[in-house]
Amino acid sequence: MPDLIRKSVFVKARDVSIEVEYRLNFGGERSCGYIKVIKGKPKEDEEQYELYMELLECGLSITDLDRAVDTVRREIEEGKLDVEF
C-alpha cells in the first residue's frame, strides 16, 4: 500500500472537483494532508483556484479519509458548503 494517497472526485452537479492528498503512516503534530475543492476539472497546465480547503490531521486510516471525502461531497451536493465562484 502506498504511503501517499492522491485522488480527485468530480461533482458534476456543481462543476467542482474534490482533490485529496494524504500521507499515511506519518506521525507528528502537524497536518498530514488536505481536501480541497476547485472549480471544474483539474488541468495540469493551469493554476487552479481553491474554493475550499480543509487540513487533515495525522493518523487517519483509508476508511477515515474516504469518509471525510464523502462528507465534503455530500455537503457540496446538499448546498451546505458554498462552492459558487
N, C-alpha and C. Protein backbone atom coordinates (compact mmCIF):
# COMPACT_ATOMS: atom_id res chain seq x y z
N MET A 1 0.84 -1.17 0.00
CA MET A 1 0.00 0.00 0.00
C MET A 1 0.89 1.24 0.00
N PRO A 2 0.60 2.19 -0.87
CA PRO A 2 1.42 3.41 -0.91
C PRO A 2 1.21 4.28 0.32
N ASP A 3 2.23 5.03 0.68
CA ASP A 3 2.13 5.92 1.83
C ASP A 3 1.49 7.25 1.47
N LEU A 4 1.51 7.63 0.19
CA LEU A 4 0.93 8.89 -0.24
C LEU A 4 -0.32 8.61 -1.08
N ILE A 5 -1.44 9.08 -0.60
CA ILE A 5 -2.72 8.90 -1.30
C ILE A 5 -3.05 10.20 -2.02
N ARG A 6 -3.35 10.09 -3.31
CA ARG A 6 -3.80 11.23 -4.11
C ARG A 6 -5.00 10.78 -4.91
N LYS A 7 -6.06 11.56 -4.85
CA LYS A 7 -7.20 11.24 -5.69
C LYS A 7 -8.03 12.48 -5.94
N SER A 8 -8.84 12.40 -6.97
CA SER A 8 -9.70 13.50 -7.36
C SER A 8 -11.09 12.96 -7.66
N VAL A 9 -12.11 13.67 -7.17
CA VAL A 9 -13.50 13.28 -7.39
C VAL A 9 -14.22 14.48 -8.00
N PHE A 10 -14.87 14.25 -9.15
CA PHE A 10 -15.59 15.33 -9.83
C PHE A 10 -17.06 15.29 -9.42
N VAL A 11 -17.60 16.44 -9.00
CA VAL A 11 -19.01 16.57 -8.64
C VAL A 11 -19.68 17.33 -9.77
N LYS A 12 -20.27 16.58 -10.68
CA LYS A 12 -20.83 17.15 -11.91
C LYS A 12 -21.92 18.17 -11.64
N ALA A 13 -22.79 17.91 -10.66
CA ALA A 13 -23.91 18.80 -10.37
C ALA A 13 -23.47 20.23 -10.02
N ARG A 14 -22.30 20.37 -9.43
CA ARG A 14 -21.78 21.70 -9.02
C ARG A 14 -20.58 22.13 -9.83
N ASP A 15 -20.12 21.30 -10.77
CA ASP A 15 -18.95 21.58 -11.61
C ASP A 15 -17.72 21.93 -10.77
N VAL A 16 -17.44 21.08 -9.79
CA VAL A 16 -16.25 21.24 -8.96
C VAL A 16 -15.56 19.88 -8.81
N SER A 17 -14.29 19.92 -8.48
CA SER A 17 -13.52 18.71 -8.19
C SER A 17 -13.03 18.77 -6.76
N ILE A 18 -13.07 17.61 -6.11
CA ILE A 18 -12.54 17.48 -4.76
C ILE A 18 -11.21 16.76 -4.91
N GLU A 19 -10.13 17.41 -4.51
CA GLU A 19 -8.80 16.82 -4.60
C GLU A 19 -8.31 16.49 -3.18
N VAL A 20 -7.71 15.32 -3.07
CA VAL A 20 -7.23 14.84 -1.77
C VAL A 20 -5.77 14.44 -1.90
N GLU A 21 -4.98 14.85 -0.94
CA GLU A 21 -3.61 14.37 -0.81
C GLU A 21 -3.38 14.10 0.67
N TYR A 22 -2.92 12.88 0.98
CA TYR A 22 -2.75 12.50 2.38
C TYR A 22 -1.60 11.52 2.52
N ARG A 23 -0.79 11.73 3.54
CA ARG A 23 0.34 10.84 3.83
C ARG A 23 -0.03 9.91 4.98
N LEU A 24 -0.13 8.62 4.66
CA LEU A 24 -0.42 7.60 5.66
C LEU A 24 0.83 7.29 6.48
N ASN A 25 0.62 6.72 7.64
CA ASN A 25 1.71 6.23 8.48
C ASN A 25 2.75 7.30 8.80
N PHE A 26 2.28 8.51 9.02
CA PHE A 26 3.18 9.61 9.33
C PHE A 26 2.68 10.24 10.62
N GLY A 27 3.55 10.37 11.58
CA GLY A 27 3.16 10.95 12.85
C GLY A 27 3.72 12.34 13.01
N GLY A 28 3.14 13.07 13.87
CA GLY A 28 3.64 14.41 14.12
C GLY A 28 2.53 15.31 14.63
N GLU A 29 2.92 16.50 14.94
CA GLU A 29 1.99 17.47 15.48
C GLU A 29 1.34 18.34 14.40
N ARG A 30 1.64 18.06 13.17
CA ARG A 30 1.11 18.89 12.09
C ARG A 30 0.10 18.10 11.26
N SER A 31 -0.42 18.72 10.24
CA SER A 31 -1.37 18.02 9.38
C SER A 31 -0.62 17.09 8.44
N CYS A 32 -1.31 16.07 7.98
CA CYS A 32 -0.70 15.09 7.09
C CYS A 32 -1.31 15.13 5.69
N GLY A 33 -2.18 16.08 5.45
CA GLY A 33 -2.78 16.17 4.12
C GLY A 33 -3.90 17.20 4.09
N TYR A 34 -4.63 17.15 2.98
CA TYR A 34 -5.70 18.12 2.79
C TYR A 34 -6.78 17.58 1.86
N ILE A 35 -7.93 18.21 1.95
CA ILE A 35 -9.01 18.07 0.99
C ILE A 35 -9.24 19.48 0.47
N LYS A 36 -9.21 19.64 -0.85
CA LYS A 36 -9.51 20.96 -1.39
C LYS A 36 -10.51 20.82 -2.53
N VAL A 37 -11.27 21.88 -2.73
CA VAL A 37 -12.29 21.92 -3.77
C VAL A 37 -11.88 22.99 -4.76
N ILE A 38 -11.86 22.62 -6.05
CA ILE A 38 -11.53 23.56 -7.11
C ILE A 38 -12.66 23.61 -8.12
N LYS A 39 -12.73 24.68 -8.88
CA LYS A 39 -13.76 24.84 -9.91
C LYS A 39 -13.42 23.97 -11.11
N GLY A 40 -14.37 23.24 -11.62
CA GLY A 40 -14.19 22.42 -12.82
C GLY A 40 -13.32 21.21 -12.57
N LYS A 41 -12.77 20.70 -13.67
CA LYS A 41 -11.86 19.55 -13.59
C LYS A 41 -10.42 20.06 -13.55
N PRO A 42 -9.54 19.36 -12.84
CA PRO A 42 -8.15 19.82 -12.73
C PRO A 42 -7.44 19.78 -14.09
N LYS A 43 -6.65 20.81 -14.34
CA LYS A 43 -5.84 20.90 -15.56
C LYS A 43 -4.40 21.11 -15.14
N GLU A 44 -3.51 20.28 -15.62
CA GLU A 44 -2.12 20.32 -15.18
C GLU A 44 -1.39 21.59 -15.59
N ASP A 45 -1.75 22.18 -16.72
CA ASP A 45 -1.01 23.34 -17.20
C ASP A 45 -1.58 24.67 -16.70
N GLU A 46 -2.62 24.63 -15.88
CA GLU A 46 -3.21 25.85 -15.36
C GLU A 46 -3.25 25.83 -13.83
N GLU A 47 -3.08 27.01 -13.24
CA GLU A 47 -3.21 27.13 -11.79
C GLU A 47 -4.69 27.07 -11.42
N GLN A 48 -5.01 26.30 -10.41
CA GLN A 48 -6.40 26.12 -10.00
C GLN A 48 -6.74 27.05 -8.85
N TYR A 49 -7.96 27.57 -8.87
CA TYR A 49 -8.44 28.44 -7.81
C TYR A 49 -9.16 27.59 -6.77
N GLU A 50 -8.68 27.64 -5.55
CA GLU A 50 -9.29 26.87 -4.46
C GLU A 50 -10.54 27.57 -3.96
N LEU A 51 -11.63 26.83 -3.92
CA LEU A 51 -12.88 27.34 -3.38
C LEU A 51 -13.03 27.00 -1.90
N TYR A 52 -12.36 25.91 -1.50
CA TYR A 52 -12.44 25.43 -0.12
C TYR A 52 -11.23 24.55 0.14
N MET A 53 -10.72 24.59 1.38
CA MET A 53 -9.62 23.71 1.75
C MET A 53 -9.74 23.34 3.21
N GLU A 54 -9.48 22.07 3.49
CA GLU A 54 -9.55 21.54 4.85
C GLU A 54 -8.29 20.72 5.11
N LEU A 55 -7.56 21.06 6.16
CA LEU A 55 -6.38 20.28 6.53
C LEU A 55 -6.81 19.04 7.31
N LEU A 56 -6.09 17.95 7.09
CA LEU A 56 -6.42 16.68 7.73
C LEU A 56 -5.35 16.33 8.76
N GLU A 57 -5.80 15.90 9.92
CA GLU A 57 -4.88 15.51 10.99
C GLU A 57 -4.18 14.20 10.65
N CYS A 58 -3.07 13.96 11.28
CA CYS A 58 -2.32 12.72 11.09
C CYS A 58 -3.04 11.57 11.79
N GLY A 59 -2.77 10.37 11.33
CA GLY A 59 -3.30 9.18 11.98
C GLY A 59 -4.59 8.64 11.41
N LEU A 60 -5.07 9.20 10.30
CA LEU A 60 -6.30 8.70 9.70
C LEU A 60 -6.03 7.42 8.92
N SER A 61 -7.00 6.55 8.88
CA SER A 61 -6.93 5.36 8.04
C SER A 61 -7.53 5.69 6.68
N ILE A 62 -7.41 4.78 5.74
CA ILE A 62 -8.01 5.00 4.42
C ILE A 62 -9.53 5.12 4.55
N THR A 63 -10.12 4.35 5.44
CA THR A 63 -11.56 4.42 5.68
C THR A 63 -11.96 5.80 6.21
N ASP A 64 -11.19 6.33 7.16
CA ASP A 64 -11.45 7.67 7.70
C ASP A 64 -11.32 8.72 6.60
N LEU A 65 -10.32 8.56 5.76
CA LEU A 65 -10.08 9.50 4.66
C LEU A 65 -11.25 9.48 3.68
N ASP A 66 -11.70 8.29 3.30
CA ASP A 66 -12.84 8.17 2.39
C ASP A 66 -14.10 8.77 3.01
N ARG A 67 -14.27 8.58 4.29
CA ARG A 67 -15.42 9.14 5.00
C ARG A 67 -15.38 10.67 4.96
N ALA A 68 -14.21 11.25 5.14
CA ALA A 68 -14.06 12.71 5.11
C ALA A 68 -14.38 13.27 3.72
N VAL A 69 -13.91 12.57 2.68
CA VAL A 69 -14.20 12.99 1.30
C VAL A 69 -15.70 12.88 1.02
N ASP A 70 -16.33 11.80 1.46
CA ASP A 70 -17.77 11.63 1.27
C ASP A 70 -18.56 12.72 1.98
N THR A 71 -18.10 13.13 3.14
CA THR A 71 -18.77 14.21 3.88
C THR A 71 -18.69 15.52 3.10
N VAL A 72 -17.52 15.85 2.57
CA VAL A 72 -17.37 17.08 1.79
C VAL A 72 -18.24 17.02 0.54
N ARG A 73 -18.24 15.87 -0.15
CA ARG A 73 -19.06 15.73 -1.35
C ARG A 73 -20.54 15.89 -1.03
N ARG A 74 -21.01 15.27 0.04
CA ARG A 74 -22.41 15.37 0.44
C ARG A 74 -22.78 16.81 0.79
N GLU A 75 -21.89 17.52 1.50
CA GLU A 75 -22.16 18.92 1.85
C GLU A 75 -22.22 19.80 0.62
N ILE A 76 -21.41 19.52 -0.39
CA ILE A 76 -21.45 20.27 -1.64
C ILE A 76 -22.77 20.01 -2.36
N GLU A 77 -23.13 18.74 -2.50
CA GLU A 77 -24.35 18.37 -3.21
C GLU A 77 -25.61 18.90 -2.53
N GLU A 78 -25.60 18.97 -1.20
CA GLU A 78 -26.76 19.46 -0.45
C GLU A 78 -26.77 20.98 -0.32
N GLY A 79 -25.72 21.65 -0.77
CA GLY A 79 -25.65 23.10 -0.70
C GLY A 79 -25.21 23.64 0.64
N LYS A 80 -24.76 22.77 1.55
CA LYS A 80 -24.30 23.21 2.86
C LYS A 80 -22.91 23.85 2.79
N LEU A 81 -22.13 23.45 1.80
CA LEU A 81 -20.80 24.02 1.60
C LEU A 81 -20.86 24.88 0.34
N ASP A 82 -20.68 26.18 0.50
CA ASP A 82 -20.80 27.11 -0.63
C ASP A 82 -19.55 27.04 -1.50
N VAL A 83 -19.71 26.58 -2.72
CA VAL A 83 -18.58 26.48 -3.65
C VAL A 83 -18.85 27.27 -4.93
N GLU A 84 -19.71 28.25 -4.84
CA GLU A 84 -20.00 29.10 -6.00
C GLU A 84 -18.88 30.11 -6.16
N PHE A 85 -18.52 30.36 -7.38
CA PHE A 85 -17.41 31.28 -7.69
C PHE A 85 -17.95 32.55 -8.26
